[in-house]
Amino acid sequence: MERMDYDPEGGNYLPVTQRETGSTLIVIGVIMLIAAGAWGLFVGWDIRAGNMFMRVLFGADALVALVLIVWGFVKKKNQKK
């Protein structure tokens, strides 16, 4: 079933498919992983020093990114043909 997306400029309602949603989730997850990697390089000294807050933030960012990527692949796979 396709969801109808609202277009504020008029009556142009565009269907959003599972494939488009899955692709968007994958792209967001990849961007978050790249950001987590760059962040890890930038504040690596703080993470290695044992600051628990930084470890939790870094781990949460990477975990959310991986969940989004997996969720995106599942959405793309479950698309009806």
PDB file of N, CA and C in Angstrom:
ATOM      1  N   MET A   1       0.839  -1.176   0.000  1.00  0.00           N
ATOM      2  CA  MET A   1       0.000   0.000   0.000  1.00  0.00           C
ATOM      3  C   MET A   1       0.884   1.238   0.000  1.00  0.00           C
ATOM      4  N   GLU A   2       0.583   2.178  -0.876  1.00  0.00           N
ATOM      5  CA  GLU A   2       1.368   3.384  -0.979  1.00  0.00           C
ATOM      6  C   GLU A   2       0.731   4.505  -0.167  1.00  0.00           C
ATOM      7  N   ARG A   3       1.579   5.235   0.540  1.00  0.00           N
ATOM      8  CA  ARG A   3       1.118   6.368   1.316  1.00  0.00           C
ATOM      9  C   ARG A   3       1.148   7.591   0.414  1.00  0.00           C
ATOM     10  N   MET A   4       0.184   8.467   0.565  1.00  0.00           N
ATOM     11  CA  MET A   4       0.136   9.681  -0.234  1.00  0.00           C
ATOM     12  C   MET A   4       0.822  10.806   0.540  1.00  0.00           C
ATOM     13  N   ASP A   5       1.774  11.466  -0.108  1.00  0.00           N
ATOM     14  CA  ASP A   5       2.518  12.553   0.513  1.00  0.00           C
ATOM     15  C   ASP A   5       1.845  13.877   0.189  1.00  0.00           C
ATOM     16  N   TYR A   6       1.797  14.781   1.152  1.00  0.00           N
ATOM     17  CA  TYR A   6       1.123  16.063   0.987  1.00  0.00           C
ATOM     18  C   TYR A   6       2.026  17.050   0.259  1.00  0.00           C
ATOM     19  N   ASP A   7       1.483  17.734  -0.737  1.00  0.00           N
ATOM     20  CA  ASP A   7       2.188  18.763  -1.468  1.00  0.00           C
ATOM     21  C   ASP A   7       1.553  20.111  -1.120  1.00  0.00           C
ATOM     22  N   PRO A   8       2.264  21.006  -0.421  1.00  0.00           N
ATOM     23  CA  PRO A   8       1.660  22.261   0.039  1.00  0.00           C
ATOM     24  C   PRO A   8       1.326  23.233  -1.089  1.00  0.00           C
ATOM     25  N   GLU A   9       1.848  23.040  -2.293  1.00  0.00           N
ATOM     26  CA  GLU A   9       1.605  23.981  -3.380  1.00  0.00           C
ATOM     27  C   GLU A   9       0.313  23.721  -4.128  1.00  0.00           C
ATOM     28  N   GLY A  10      -0.308  22.638  -3.900  1.00  0.00           N
ATOM     29  CA  GLY A  10      -1.535  22.365  -4.632  1.00  0.00           C
ATOM     30  C   GLY A  10      -1.987  20.945  -4.460  1.00  0.00           C
ATOM     31  N   GLY A  11      -2.760  20.480  -5.399  1.00  0.00           N
ATOM     32  CA  GLY A  11      -3.350  19.149  -5.315  1.00  0.00           C
ATOM     33  C   GLY A  11      -2.492  18.049  -5.878  1.00  0.00           C
ATOM     34  N   ASN A  12      -1.197  18.239  -5.937  1.00  0.00           N
ATOM     35  CA  ASN A  12      -0.308  17.206  -6.462  1.00  0.00           C
ATOM     36  C   ASN A  12       0.093  16.261  -5.328  1.00  0.00           C
ATOM     37  N   TYR A  13      -0.600  15.164  -5.216  1.00  0.00           N
ATOM     38  CA  TYR A  13      -0.294  14.182  -4.178  1.00  0.00           C
ATOM     39  C   TYR A  13       0.550  13.086  -4.809  1.00  0.00           C
ATOM     40  N   LEU A  14       1.749  12.928  -4.299  1.00  0.00           N
ATOM     41  CA  LEU A  14       2.699  11.996  -4.873  1.00  0.00           C
ATOM     42  C   LEU A  14       2.818  10.762  -3.987  1.00  0.00           C
ATOM     43  N   PRO A  15       2.736   9.569  -4.563  1.00  0.00           N
ATOM     44  CA  PRO A  15       2.884   8.362  -3.736  1.00  0.00           C
ATOM     45  C   PRO A  15       4.332   8.174  -3.292  1.00  0.00           C
ATOM     46  N   VAL A  16       4.508   7.805  -2.029  1.00  0.00           N
ATOM     47  CA  VAL A  16       5.822   7.486  -1.486  1.00  0.00           C
ATOM     48  C   VAL A  16       5.889   5.973  -1.359  1.00  0.00           C
ATOM     49  N   THR A  17       6.790   5.355  -2.107  1.00  0.00           N
ATOM     50  CA  THR A  17       6.868   3.897  -2.121  1.00  0.00           C
ATOM     51  C   THR A  17       7.786   3.383  -1.009  1.00  0.00           C
ATOM     52  N   GLN A  18       7.688   2.103  -0.747  1.00  0.00           N
ATOM     53  CA  GLN A  18       8.562   1.462   0.244  1.00  0.00           C
ATOM     54  C   GLN A  18      10.020   1.563  -0.197  1.00  0.00           C
ATOM     55  N   ARG A  19      10.253   1.483  -1.499  1.00  0.00           N
ATOM     56  CA  ARG A  19      11.624   1.566  -2.019  1.00  0.00           C
ATOM     57  C   ARG A  19      12.225   2.934  -1.736  1.00  0.00           C
ATOM     58  N   GLU A  20      11.457   4.005  -1.960  1.00  0.00           N
ATOM     59  CA  GLU A  20      11.971   5.347  -1.691  1.00  0.00           C
ATOM     60  C   GLU A  20      12.231   5.549  -0.202  1.00  0.00           C
ATOM     61  N   THR A  21      11.327   5.050   0.632  1.00  0.00           N
ATOM     62  CA  THR A  21      11.514   5.166   2.076  1.00  0.00           C
ATOM     63  C   THR A  21      12.752   4.398   2.513  1.00  0.00           C
ATOM     64  N   GLY A  22      12.918   3.194   1.986  1.00  0.00           N
ATOM     65  CA  GLY A  22      14.089   2.389   2.328  1.00  0.00           C
ATOM     66  C   GLY A  22      15.379   3.047   1.898  1.00  0.00           C
ATOM     67  N   SER A  23      15.388   3.617   0.695  1.00  0.00           N
ATOM     68  CA  SER A  23      16.587   4.308   0.212  1.00  0.00           C
ATOM     69  C   SER A  23      16.925   5.510   1.081  1.00  0.00           C
ATOM     70  N   THR A  24      15.907   6.244   1.502  1.00  0.00           N
ATOM     71  CA  THR A  24      16.130   7.400   2.368  1.00  0.00           C
ATOM     72  C   THR A  24      16.728   6.974   3.699  1.00  0.00           C
ATOM     73  N   LEU A  25      16.212   5.899   4.281  1.00  0.00           N
ATOM     74  CA  LEU A  25      16.748   5.415   5.558  1.00  0.00           C
ATOM     75  C   LEU A  25      18.193   4.962   5.419  1.00  0.00           C
ATOM     76  N   ILE A  26      18.516   4.313   4.310  1.00  0.00           N
ATOM     77  CA  ILE A  26      19.891   3.859   4.083  1.00  0.00           C
ATOM     78  C   ILE A  26      20.832   5.052   3.961  1.00  0.00           C
ATOM     79  N   VAL A  27      20.422   6.069   3.207  1.00  0.00           N
ATOM     80  CA  VAL A  27      21.270   7.248   3.026  1.00  0.00           C
ATOM     81  C   VAL A  27      21.494   7.962   4.367  1.00  0.00           C
ATOM     82  N   ILE A  28      20.435   8.107   5.148  1.00  0.00           N
ATOM     83  CA  ILE A  28      20.573   8.759   6.458  1.00  0.00           C
ATOM     84  C   ILE A  28      21.518   7.956   7.351  1.00  0.00           C
ATOM     85  N   GLY A  29      21.380   6.621   7.335  1.00  0.00           N
ATOM     86  CA  GLY A  29      22.254   5.777   8.147  1.00  0.00           C
ATOM     87  C   GLY A  29      23.712   5.876   7.729  1.00  0.00           C
ATOM     88  N   VAL A  30      23.972   5.911   6.418  1.00  0.00           N
ATOM     89  CA  VAL A  30      25.348   6.023   5.932  1.00  0.00           C
ATOM     90  C   VAL A  30      25.940   7.378   6.329  1.00  0.00           C
ATOM     91  N   ILE A  31      25.157   8.439   6.204  1.00  0.00           N
ATOM     92  CA  ILE A  31      25.636   9.766   6.612  1.00  0.00           C
ATOM     93  C   ILE A  31      25.959   9.784   8.107  1.00  0.00           C
ATOM     94  N   MET A  32      25.106   9.148   8.900  1.00  0.00           N
ATOM     95  CA  MET A  32      25.364   9.099  10.342  1.00  0.00           C
ATOM     96  C   MET A  32      26.622   8.289  10.655  1.00  0.00           C
ATOM     97  N   LEU A  33      26.869   7.189   9.910  1.00  0.00           N
ATOM     98  CA  LEU A  33      28.088   6.408  10.136  1.00  0.00           C
ATOM     99  C   LEU A  33      29.326   7.201   9.756  1.00  0.00           C
ATOM    100  N   ILE A  34      29.256   7.954   8.665  1.00  0.00           N
ATOM    101  CA  ILE A  34      30.387   8.786   8.264  1.00  0.00           C
ATOM    102  C   ILE A  34      30.642   9.850   9.331  1.00  0.00           C
ATOM    103  N   ALA A  35      29.567  10.463   9.819  1.00  0.00           N
ATOM    104  CA  ALA A  35      29.714  11.469  10.872  1.00  0.00           C
ATOM    105  C   ALA A  35      30.287  10.850  12.142  1.00  0.00           C
ATOM    106  N   ALA A  36      29.856   9.646  12.482  1.00  0.00           N
ATOM    107  CA  ALA A  36      30.378   8.978  13.680  1.00  0.00           C
ATOM    108  C   ALA A  36      31.862   8.674  13.511  1.00  0.00           C
ATOM    109  N   GLY A  37      32.268   8.264  12.313  1.00  0.00           N
ATOM    110  CA  GLY A  37      33.681   7.999  12.065  1.00  0.00           C
ATOM    111  C   GLY A  37      34.524   9.255  12.177  1.00  0.00           C
ATOM    112  N   ALA A  38      34.044  10.339  11.585  1.00  0.00           N
ATOM    113  CA  ALA A  38      34.771  11.608  11.668  1.00  0.00           C
ATOM    114  C   ALA A  38      34.819  12.101  13.110  1.00  0.00           C
ATOM    115  N   TRP A  39      33.710  11.950  13.805  1.00  0.00           N
ATOM    116  CA  TRP A  39      33.653  12.358  15.201  1.00  0.00           C
ATOM    117  C   TRP A  39      34.616  11.525  16.040  1.00  0.00           C
ATOM    118  N   GLY A  40      34.673  10.224  15.738  1.00  0.00           N
ATOM    119  CA  GLY A  40      35.593   9.349  16.451  1.00  0.00           C
ATOM    120  C   GLY A  40      37.049   9.731  16.232  1.00  0.00           C
ATOM    121  N   LEU A  41      37.383  10.166  15.009  1.00  0.00           N
ATOM    122  CA  LEU A  41      38.745  10.632  14.743  1.00  0.00           C
ATOM    123  C   LEU A  41      39.030  11.951  15.455  1.00  0.00           C
ATOM    124  N   PHE A  42      38.052  12.834  15.472  1.00  0.00           N
ATOM    125  CA  PHE A  42      38.244  14.154  16.057  1.00  0.00           C
ATOM    126  C   PHE A  42      38.379  14.090  17.575  1.00  0.00           C
ATOM    127  N   VAL A  43      37.547  13.294  18.221  1.00  0.00           N
ATOM    128  CA  VAL A  43      37.573  13.220  19.683  1.00  0.00           C
ATOM    129  C   VAL A  43      38.049  11.852  20.159  1.00  0.00           C
ATOM    130  N   GLY A  44      38.866  11.209  19.343  1.00  0.00           N
ATOM    131  CA  GLY A  44      39.372   9.893  19.714  1.00  0.00           C
ATOM    132  C   GLY A  44      40.141   9.908  21.021  1.00  0.00           C
ATOM    133  N   TRP A  45      40.880  10.979  21.270  1.00  0.00           N
ATOM    134  CA  TRP A  45      41.631  11.074  22.521  1.00  0.00           C
ATOM    135  C   TRP A  45      40.693  11.066  23.715  1.00  0.00           C
ATOM    136  N   ASP A  46      39.517  11.674  23.573  1.00  0.00           N
ATOM    137  CA  ASP A  46      38.566  11.730  24.681  1.00  0.00           C
ATOM    138  C   ASP A  46      37.912  10.360  24.900  1.00  0.00           C
ATOM    139  N   ILE A  47      37.642   9.645  23.814  1.00  0.00           N
ATOM    140  CA  ILE A  47      37.026   8.321  23.930  1.00  0.00           C
ATOM    141  C   ILE A  47      38.023   7.344  24.555  1.00  0.00           C
ATOM    142  N   ARG A  48      39.291   7.392  24.101  1.00  0.00           N
ATOM    143  CA  ARG A  48      40.308   6.492  24.658  1.00  0.00           C
ATOM    144  C   ARG A  48      40.636   6.819  26.105  1.00  0.00           C
ATOM    145  N   ALA A  49      40.434   8.076  26.496  1.00  0.00           N
ATOM    146  CA  ALA A  49      40.749   8.484  27.865  1.00  0.00           C
ATOM    147  C   ALA A  49      39.757   7.898  28.878  1.00  0.00           C
ATOM    148  N   GLY A  50      38.650   7.371  28.389  1.00  0.00           N
ATOM    149  CA  GLY A  50      37.717   6.712  29.286  1.00  0.00           C
ATOM    150  C   GLY A  50      36.527   7.548  29.691  1.00  0.00           C
ATOM    151  N   ASN A  51      36.295   8.655  29.015  1.00  0.00           N
ATOM    152  CA  ASN A  51      35.144   9.486  29.324  1.00  0.00           C
ATOM    153  C   ASN A  51      33.881   8.727  28.905  1.00  0.00           C
ATOM    154  N   MET A  52      33.110   8.289  29.866  1.00  0.00           N
ATOM    155  CA  MET A  52      31.952   7.435  29.596  1.00  0.00           C
ATOM    156  C   MET A  52      30.893   8.154  28.762  1.00  0.00           C
ATOM    157  N   PHE A  53      30.700   9.433  28.987  1.00  0.00           N
ATOM    158  CA  PHE A  53      29.685  10.180  28.242  1.00  0.00           C
ATOM    159  C   PHE A  53      29.994  10.155  26.744  1.00  0.00           C
ATOM    160  N   MET A  54      31.243  10.363  26.373  1.00  0.00           N
ATOM    161  CA  MET A  54      31.617  10.371  24.966  1.00  0.00           C
ATOM    162  C   MET A  54      31.489   8.972  24.357  1.00  0.00           C
ATOM    163  N   ARG A  55      31.832   7.956  25.118  1.00  0.00           N
ATOM    164  CA  ARG A  55      31.684   6.583  24.621  1.00  0.00           C
ATOM    165  C   ARG A  55      30.221   6.251  24.359  1.00  0.00           C
ATOM    166  N   VAL A  56      29.340   6.668  25.259  1.00  0.00           N
ATOM    167  CA  VAL A  56      27.911   6.391  25.101  1.00  0.00           C
ATOM    168  C   VAL A  56      27.358   7.138  23.892  1.00  0.00           C
ATOM    169  N   LEU A  57      27.721   8.407  23.726  1.00  0.00           N
ATOM    170  CA  LEU A  57      27.245   9.175  22.570  1.00  0.00           C
ATOM    171  C   LEU A  57      27.738   8.570  21.260  1.00  0.00           C
ATOM    172  N   PHE A  58      29.001   8.216  21.200  1.00  0.00           N
ATOM    173  CA  PHE A  58      29.564   7.615  19.991  1.00  0.00           C
ATOM    174  C   PHE A  58      28.899   6.279  19.694  1.00  0.00           C
ATOM    175  N   GLY A  59      28.734   5.448  20.707  1.00  0.00           N
ATOM    176  CA  GLY A  59      28.090   4.149  20.519  1.00  0.00           C
ATOM    177  C   GLY A  59      26.640   4.271  20.101  1.00  0.00           C
ATOM    178  N   ALA A  60      25.921   5.219  20.703  1.00  0.00           N
ATOM    179  CA  ALA A  60      24.515   5.416  20.342  1.00  0.00           C
ATOM    180  C   ALA A  60      24.380   5.893  18.901  1.00  0.00           C
ATOM    181  N   ASP A  61      25.262   6.790  18.470  1.00  0.00           N
ATOM    182  CA  ASP A  61      25.226   7.285  17.096  1.00  0.00           C
ATOM    183  C   ASP A  61      25.463   6.145  16.108  1.00  0.00           C
ATOM    184  N   ALA A  62      26.478   5.347  16.364  1.00  0.00           N
ATOM    185  CA  ALA A  62      26.782   4.230  15.470  1.00  0.00           C
ATOM    186  C   ALA A  62      25.660   3.197  15.476  1.00  0.00           C
ATOM    187  N   LEU A  63      25.082   2.916  16.636  1.00  0.00           N
ATOM    188  CA  LEU A  63      23.994   1.939  16.727  1.00  0.00           C
ATOM    189  C   LEU A  63      22.749   2.409  15.971  1.00  0.00           C
ATOM    190  N   VAL A  64      22.376   3.658  16.154  1.00  0.00           N
ATOM    191  CA  VAL A  64      21.208   4.201  15.445  1.00  0.00           C
ATOM    192  C   VAL A  64      21.445   4.167  13.941  1.00  0.00           C
ATOM    193  N   ALA A  65      22.660   4.498  13.501  1.00  0.00           N
ATOM    194  CA  ALA A  65      22.980   4.469  12.074  1.00  0.00           C
ATOM    195  C   ALA A  65      22.838   3.057  11.507  1.00  0.00           C
ATOM    196  N   LEU A  66      23.350   2.069  12.219  1.00  0.00           N
ATOM    197  CA  LEU A  66      23.236   0.685  11.742  1.00  0.00           C
ATOM    198  C   LEU A  66      21.791   0.211  11.719  1.00  0.00           C
ATOM    199  N   VAL A  67      21.013   0.598  12.722  1.00  0.00           N
ATOM    200  CA  VAL A  67      19.592   0.231  12.743  1.00  0.00           C
ATOM    201  C   VAL A  67      18.868   0.849  11.551  1.00  0.00           C
ATOM    202  N   LEU A  68      19.154   2.107  11.238  1.00  0.00           N
ATOM    203  CA  LEU A  68      18.514   2.756  10.089  1.00  0.00           C
ATOM    204  C   LEU A  68      18.884   2.077   8.777  1.00  0.00           C
ATOM    205  N   ILE A  69      20.137   1.677   8.639  1.00  0.00           N
ATOM    206  CA  ILE A  69      20.559   0.999   7.416  1.00  0.00           C
ATOM    207  C   ILE A  69      19.844  -0.344   7.272  1.00  0.00           C
ATOM    208  N   VAL A  70      19.792  -1.118   8.340  1.00  0.00           N
ATOM    209  CA  VAL A  70      19.110  -2.417   8.291  1.00  0.00           C
ATOM    210  C   VAL A  70      17.623  -2.229   8.010  1.00  0.00           C
ATOM    211  N   TRP A  71      17.008  -1.260   8.672  1.00  0.00           N
ATOM    212  CA  TRP A  71      15.585  -0.984   8.466  1.00  0.00           C
ATOM    213  C   TRP A  71      15.320  -0.581   7.017  1.00  0.00           C
ATOM    214  N   GLY A  72      16.215   0.208   6.432  1.00  0.00           N
ATOM    215  CA  GLY A  72      16.076   0.613   5.032  1.00  0.00           C
ATOM    216  C   GLY A  72      16.155  -0.580   4.098  1.00  0.00           C
ATOM    217  N   PHE A  73      17.098  -1.489   4.341  1.00  0.00           N
ATOM    218  CA  PHE A  73      17.189  -2.689   3.507  1.00  0.00           C
ATOM    219  C   PHE A  73      15.943  -3.562   3.648  1.00  0.00           C
ATOM    220  N   VAL A  74      15.408  -3.665   4.856  1.00  0.00           N
ATOM    221  CA  VAL A  74      14.190  -4.464   5.072  1.00  0.00           C
ATOM    222  C   VAL A  74      13.019  -3.847   4.324  1.00  0.00           C
ATOM    223  N   LYS A  75      12.888  -2.524   4.374  1.00  0.00           N
ATOM    224  CA  LYS A  75      11.795  -1.853   3.666  1.00  0.00           C
ATOM    225  C   LYS A  75      11.909  -2.058   2.167  1.00  0.00           C
ATOM    226  N   LYS A  76      13.128  -1.968   1.624  1.00  0.00           N
ATOM    227  CA  LYS A  76      13.322  -2.172   0.190  1.00  0.00           C
ATOM    228  C   LYS A  76      13.028  -3.611  -0.200  1.00  0.00           C
ATOM    229  N   LYS A  77      13.385  -4.560   0.680  1.00  0.00           N
ATOM    230  CA  LYS A  77      13.176  -5.973   0.368  1.00  0.00           C
ATOM    231  C   LYS A  77      11.694  -6.340   0.413  1.00  0.00           C
ATOM    232  N   ASN A  78      10.939  -5.731   1.333  1.00  0.00           N
ATOM    233  CA  ASN A  78       9.527  -6.065   1.497  1.00  0.00           C
ATOM    234  C   ASN A  78       8.615  -5.358   0.504  1.00  0.00           C
ATOM    235  N   GLN A  79       9.192  -4.632  -0.437  1.00  0.00           N
ATOM    236  CA  GLN A  79       8.384  -3.935  -1.438  1.00  0.00           C
ATOM    237  C   GLN A  79       7.694  -4.957  -2.324  1.00  0.00           C
ATOM    238  N   LYS A  80       6.418  -4.751  -2.523  1.00  0.00           N
ATOM    239  CA  LYS A  80       5.659  -5.635  -3.410  1.00  0.00           C
ATOM    240  C   LYS A  80       5.958  -5.244  -4.849  1.00  0.00           C
ATOM    241  N   LYS A  81       6.155  -6.244  -5.688  1.00  0.00           N
ATOM    242  CA  LYS A  81       6.506  -5.973  -7.096  1.00  0.00           C
ATOM    243  C   LYS A  81       5.303  -6.013  -7.984  1.00  0.00           C
TER     244      LYS A  81
END
